[in-house]
Amino acid sequence: MGDAVNTCDVLVIGAGPGGGNAALQSAKNGLSTILIEDHPAIGTPVHFRRVYL
């Protein structure tokens, strides 16, 4: 079995708000873009930090 090879100009890991926007903007600017997300839902941050004062 051969190895699959994908090439792109921009590889974005994580489809939270920042990653989704980065992928969208790079694609709109004509760059070939791959967006990788591990979770079934996109657009929401996965990691939260709670701060108590």
PDB file of N, CA and C in Angstrom:
ATOM      1  N   MET A   1       0.848  -1.167   0.000  1.00  0.00           N
ATOM      2  CA  MET A   1       0.000   0.000   0.000  1.00  0.00           C
ATOM      3  C   MET A   1       0.898   1.236   0.000  1.00  0.00           C
ATOM      4  N   GLY A   2       0.642   2.171  -0.886  1.00  0.00           N
ATOM      5  CA  GLY A   2       1.434   3.391  -0.971  1.00  0.00           C
ATOM      6  C   GLY A   2       1.012   4.432   0.041  1.00  0.00           C
ATOM      7  N   ASP A   3       1.898   5.363   0.267  1.00  0.00           N
ATOM      8  CA  ASP A   3       1.595   6.464   1.184  1.00  0.00           C
ATOM      9  C   ASP A   3       0.851   7.568   0.447  1.00  0.00           C
ATOM     10  N   ALA A   4      -0.199   8.080   1.065  1.00  0.00           N
ATOM     11  CA  ALA A   4      -0.939   9.208   0.496  1.00  0.00           C
ATOM     12  C   ALA A   4      -0.178  10.489   0.819  1.00  0.00           C
ATOM     13  N   VAL A   5      -0.114  11.391  -0.137  1.00  0.00           N
ATOM     14  CA  VAL A   5       0.579  12.659   0.062  1.00  0.00           C
ATOM     15  C   VAL A   5      -0.365  13.790  -0.304  1.00  0.00           C
ATOM     16  N   ASN A   6      -0.568  14.702   0.620  1.00  0.00           N
ATOM     17  CA  ASN A   6      -1.350  15.908   0.368  1.00  0.00           C
ATOM     18  C   ASN A   6      -0.445  17.106   0.572  1.00  0.00           C
ATOM     19  N   THR A   7      -0.523  18.055  -0.316  1.00  0.00           N
ATOM     20  CA  THR A   7       0.240  19.285  -0.142  1.00  0.00           C
ATOM     21  C   THR A   7      -0.730  20.455  -0.103  1.00  0.00           C
ATOM     22  N   CYS A   8      -0.324  21.505   0.601  1.00  0.00           N
ATOM     23  CA  CYS A   8      -1.152  22.701   0.687  1.00  0.00           C
ATOM     24  C   CYS A   8      -0.256  23.875   1.048  1.00  0.00           C
ATOM     25  N   ASP A   9      -0.794  25.067   0.885  1.00  0.00           N
ATOM     26  CA  ASP A   9      -0.078  26.272   1.303  1.00  0.00           C
ATOM     27  C   ASP A   9      -0.209  26.494   2.801  1.00  0.00           C
ATOM     28  N   VAL A  10      -1.395  26.203   3.339  1.00  0.00           N
ATOM     29  CA  VAL A  10      -1.680  26.452   4.752  1.00  0.00           C
ATOM     30  C   VAL A  10      -2.340  25.217   5.351  1.00  0.00           C
ATOM     31  N   LEU A  11      -1.818  24.776   6.487  1.00  0.00           N
ATOM     32  CA  LEU A  11      -2.416  23.685   7.249  1.00  0.00           C
ATOM     33  C   LEU A  11      -2.844  24.261   8.587  1.00  0.00           C
ATOM     34  N   VAL A  12      -4.154  24.195   8.861  1.00  0.00           N
ATOM     35  CA  VAL A  12      -4.696  24.723  10.117  1.00  0.00           C
ATOM     36  C   VAL A  12      -5.142  23.544  10.962  1.00  0.00           C
ATOM     37  N   ILE A  13      -4.660  23.496  12.197  1.00  0.00           N
ATOM     38  CA  ILE A  13      -5.030  22.426  13.118  1.00  0.00           C
ATOM     39  C   ILE A  13      -5.966  23.013  14.160  1.00  0.00           C
ATOM     40  N   GLY A  14      -7.201  22.550  14.161  1.00  0.00           N
ATOM     41  CA  GLY A  14      -8.195  23.034  15.116  1.00  0.00           C
ATOM     42  C   GLY A  14      -9.179  23.984  14.459  1.00  0.00           C
ATOM     43  N   ALA A  15     -10.465  23.652  14.551  1.00  0.00           N
ATOM     44  CA  ALA A  15     -11.509  24.443  13.898  1.00  0.00           C
ATOM     45  C   ALA A  15     -12.317  25.247  14.903  1.00  0.00           C
ATOM     46  N   GLY A  16     -11.656  25.727  15.944  1.00  0.00           N
ATOM     47  CA  GLY A  16     -12.310  26.669  16.848  1.00  0.00           C
ATOM     48  C   GLY A  16     -12.456  28.005  16.140  1.00  0.00           C
ATOM     49  N   PRO A  17     -12.873  29.035  16.837  1.00  0.00           N
ATOM     50  CA  PRO A  17     -13.064  30.336  16.193  1.00  0.00           C
ATOM     51  C   PRO A  17     -11.812  30.853  15.481  1.00  0.00           C
ATOM     52  N   GLY A  18     -10.659  30.726  16.104  1.00  0.00           N
ATOM     53  CA  GLY A  18      -9.421  31.209  15.485  1.00  0.00           C
ATOM     54  C   GLY A  18      -8.998  30.378  14.295  1.00  0.00           C
ATOM     55  N   GLY A  19      -9.021  29.060  14.454  1.00  0.00           N
ATOM     56  CA  GLY A  19      -8.614  28.178  13.373  1.00  0.00           C
ATOM     57  C   GLY A  19      -9.561  28.233  12.189  1.00  0.00           C
ATOM     58  N   GLY A  20     -10.856  28.270  12.475  1.00  0.00           N
ATOM     59  CA  GLY A  20     -11.840  28.372  11.395  1.00  0.00           C
ATOM     60  C   GLY A  20     -11.679  29.655  10.605  1.00  0.00           C
ATOM     61  N   ASN A  21     -11.444  30.755  11.306  1.00  0.00           N
ATOM     62  CA  ASN A  21     -11.258  32.036  10.635  1.00  0.00           C
ATOM     63  C   ASN A  21      -9.950  32.052   9.845  1.00  0.00           C
ATOM     64  N   ALA A  22      -8.896  31.484  10.402  1.00  0.00           N
ATOM     65  CA  ALA A  22      -7.619  31.426   9.686  1.00  0.00           C
ATOM     66  C   ALA A  22      -7.758  30.633   8.391  1.00  0.00           C
ATOM     67  N   ALA A  23      -8.447  29.498   8.450  1.00  0.00           N
ATOM     68  CA  ALA A  23      -8.651  28.682   7.256  1.00  0.00           C
ATOM     69  C   ALA A  23      -9.501  29.420   6.225  1.00  0.00           C
ATOM     70  N   LEU A  24     -10.553  30.078   6.680  1.00  0.00           N
ATOM     71  CA  LEU A  24     -11.430  30.818   5.774  1.00  0.00           C
ATOM     72  C   LEU A  24     -10.674  31.940   5.076  1.00  0.00           C
ATOM     73  N   GLN A  25      -9.927  32.715   5.840  1.00  0.00           N
ATOM     74  CA  GLN A  25      -9.210  33.852   5.260  1.00  0.00           C
ATOM     75  C   GLN A  25      -8.109  33.399   4.299  1.00  0.00           C
ATOM     76  N   SER A  26      -7.389  32.342   4.638  1.00  0.00           N
ATOM     77  CA  SER A  26      -6.337  31.880   3.732  1.00  0.00           C
ATOM     78  C   SER A  26      -6.941  31.340   2.434  1.00  0.00           C
ATOM     79  N   ALA A  27      -8.066  30.639   2.527  1.00  0.00           N
ATOM     80  CA  ALA A  27      -8.731  30.142   1.317  1.00  0.00           C
ATOM     81  C   ALA A  27      -9.275  31.292   0.475  1.00  0.00           C
ATOM     82  N   LYS A  28      -9.851  32.306   1.131  1.00  0.00           N
ATOM     83  CA  LYS A  28     -10.363  33.475   0.398  1.00  0.00           C
ATOM     84  C   LYS A  28      -9.249  34.215  -0.330  1.00  0.00           C
ATOM     85  N   ASN A  29      -8.028  34.121   0.194  1.00  0.00           N
ATOM     86  CA  ASN A  29      -6.887  34.791  -0.424  1.00  0.00           C
ATOM     87  C   ASN A  29      -6.165  33.906  -1.432  1.00  0.00           C
ATOM     88  N   GLY A  30      -6.812  32.820  -1.833  1.00  0.00           N
ATOM     89  CA  GLY A  30      -6.298  31.996  -2.915  1.00  0.00           C
ATOM     90  C   GLY A  30      -5.273  30.949  -2.518  1.00  0.00           C
ATOM     91  N   LEU A  31      -5.083  30.723  -1.229  1.00  0.00           N
ATOM     92  CA  LEU A  31      -4.132  29.714  -0.788  1.00  0.00           C
ATOM     93  C   LEU A  31      -4.845  28.374  -0.620  1.00  0.00           C
ATOM     94  N   SER A  32      -4.189  27.305  -1.047  1.00  0.00           N
ATOM     95  CA  SER A  32      -4.792  25.988  -0.823  1.00  0.00           C
ATOM     96  C   SER A  32      -4.681  25.691   0.669  1.00  0.00           C
ATOM     97  N   THR A  33      -5.812  25.338   1.276  1.00  0.00           N
ATOM     98  CA  THR A  33      -5.903  25.253   2.729  1.00  0.00           C
ATOM     99  C   THR A  33      -6.507  23.925   3.150  1.00  0.00           C
ATOM    100  N   ILE A  34      -5.901  23.318   4.157  1.00  0.00           N
ATOM    101  CA  ILE A  34      -6.454  22.115   4.778  1.00  0.00           C
ATOM    102  C   ILE A  34      -6.724  22.445   6.233  1.00  0.00           C
ATOM    103  N   LEU A  35      -7.945  22.153   6.684  1.00  0.00           N
ATOM    104  CA  LEU A  35      -8.358  22.377   8.070  1.00  0.00           C
ATOM    105  C   LEU A  35      -8.592  21.015   8.715  1.00  0.00           C
ATOM    106  N   ILE A  36      -7.904  20.749   9.821  1.00  0.00           N
ATOM    107  CA  ILE A  36      -8.022  19.469  10.519  1.00  0.00           C
ATOM    108  C   ILE A  36      -8.676  19.701  11.872  1.00  0.00           C
ATOM    109  N   GLU A  37      -9.726  18.945  12.147  1.00  0.00           N
ATOM    110  CA  GLU A  37     -10.424  19.040  13.443  1.00  0.00           C
ATOM    111  C   GLU A  37     -10.684  17.632  13.950  1.00  0.00           C
ATOM    112  N   ASP A  38     -10.440  17.416  15.231  1.00  0.00           N
ATOM    113  CA  ASP A  38     -10.600  16.098  15.841  1.00  0.00           C
ATOM    114  C   ASP A  38     -12.014  15.863  16.369  1.00  0.00           C
ATOM    115  N   HIS A  39     -12.741  16.922  16.650  1.00  0.00           N
ATOM    116  CA  HIS A  39     -14.066  16.805  17.257  1.00  0.00           C
ATOM    117  C   HIS A  39     -15.164  16.931  16.196  1.00  0.00           C
ATOM    118  N   PRO A  40     -16.342  16.346  16.443  1.00  0.00           N
ATOM    119  CA  PRO A  40     -17.419  16.389  15.449  1.00  0.00           C
ATOM    120  C   PRO A  40     -18.014  17.778  15.239  1.00  0.00           C
ATOM    121  N   ALA A  41     -18.000  18.629  16.253  1.00  0.00           N
ATOM    122  CA  ALA A  41     -18.547  19.983  16.117  1.00  0.00           C
ATOM    123  C   ALA A  41     -17.404  20.965  15.904  1.00  0.00           C
ATOM    124  N   ILE A  42     -17.625  21.937  15.023  1.00  0.00           N
ATOM    125  CA  ILE A  42     -16.594  22.948  14.789  1.00  0.00           C
ATOM    126  C   ILE A  42     -17.100  24.312  15.238  1.00  0.00           C
ATOM    127  N   GLY A  43     -16.160  25.218  15.439  1.00  0.00           N
ATOM    128  CA  GLY A  43     -16.518  26.596  15.740  1.00  0.00           C
ATOM    129  C   GLY A  43     -16.574  26.949  17.212  1.00  0.00           C
ATOM    130  N   THR A  44     -16.351  25.993  18.085  1.00  0.00           N
ATOM    131  CA  THR A  44     -16.357  26.309  19.508  1.00  0.00           C
ATOM    132  C   THR A  44     -15.026  25.910  20.114  1.00  0.00           C
ATOM    133  N   PRO A  45     -14.495  26.720  21.017  1.00  0.00           N
ATOM    134  CA  PRO A  45     -13.229  26.348  21.642  1.00  0.00           C
ATOM    135  C   PRO A  45     -13.407  25.125  22.540  1.00  0.00           C
ATOM    136  N   VAL A  46     -12.408  24.286  22.585  1.00  0.00           N
ATOM    137  CA  VAL A  46     -12.479  23.059  23.359  1.00  0.00           C
ATOM    138  C   VAL A  46     -11.899  23.267  24.753  1.00  0.00           C
ATOM    139  N   HIS A  47     -10.877  24.073  24.871  1.00  0.00           N
ATOM    140  CA  HIS A  47     -10.186  24.270  26.141  1.00  0.00           C
ATOM    141  C   HIS A  47     -10.653  25.566  26.790  1.00  0.00           C
ATOM    142  N   PHE A  48     -11.021  25.479  28.027  1.00  0.00           N
ATOM    143  CA  PHE A  48     -11.437  26.646  28.795  1.00  0.00           C
ATOM    144  C   PHE A  48     -10.565  26.740  30.033  1.00  0.00           C
ATOM    145  N   ARG A  49     -10.326  27.933  30.483  1.00  0.00           N
ATOM    146  CA  ARG A  49      -9.601  28.139  31.732  1.00  0.00           C
ATOM    147  C   ARG A  49     -10.493  28.942  32.658  1.00  0.00           C
ATOM    148  N   ARG A  50     -10.678  28.451  33.843  1.00  0.00           N
ATOM    149  CA  ARG A  50     -11.485  29.162  34.836  1.00  0.00           C
ATOM    150  C   ARG A  50     -10.563  29.925  35.770  1.00  0.00           C
ATOM    151  N   VAL A  51     -10.925  31.147  36.030  1.00  0.00           N
ATOM    152  CA  VAL A  51     -10.158  31.976  36.949  1.00  0.00           C
ATOM    153  C   VAL A  51     -11.105  32.464  38.026  1.00  0.00           C
ATOM    154  N   TYR A  52     -10.776  32.190  39.266  1.00  0.00           N
ATOM    155  CA  TYR A  52     -11.582  32.637  40.394  1.00  0.00           C
ATOM    156  C   TYR A  52     -10.829  33.740  41.119  1.00  0.00           C
ATOM    157  N   LEU A  53     -11.513  34.827  41.394  1.00  0.00           N
ATOM    158  CA  LEU A  53     -10.902  35.940  42.130  1.00  0.00           C
ATOM    159  C   LEU A  53     -11.460  36.024  43.525  1.00  0.00           C
TER     160      LEU A  53
END
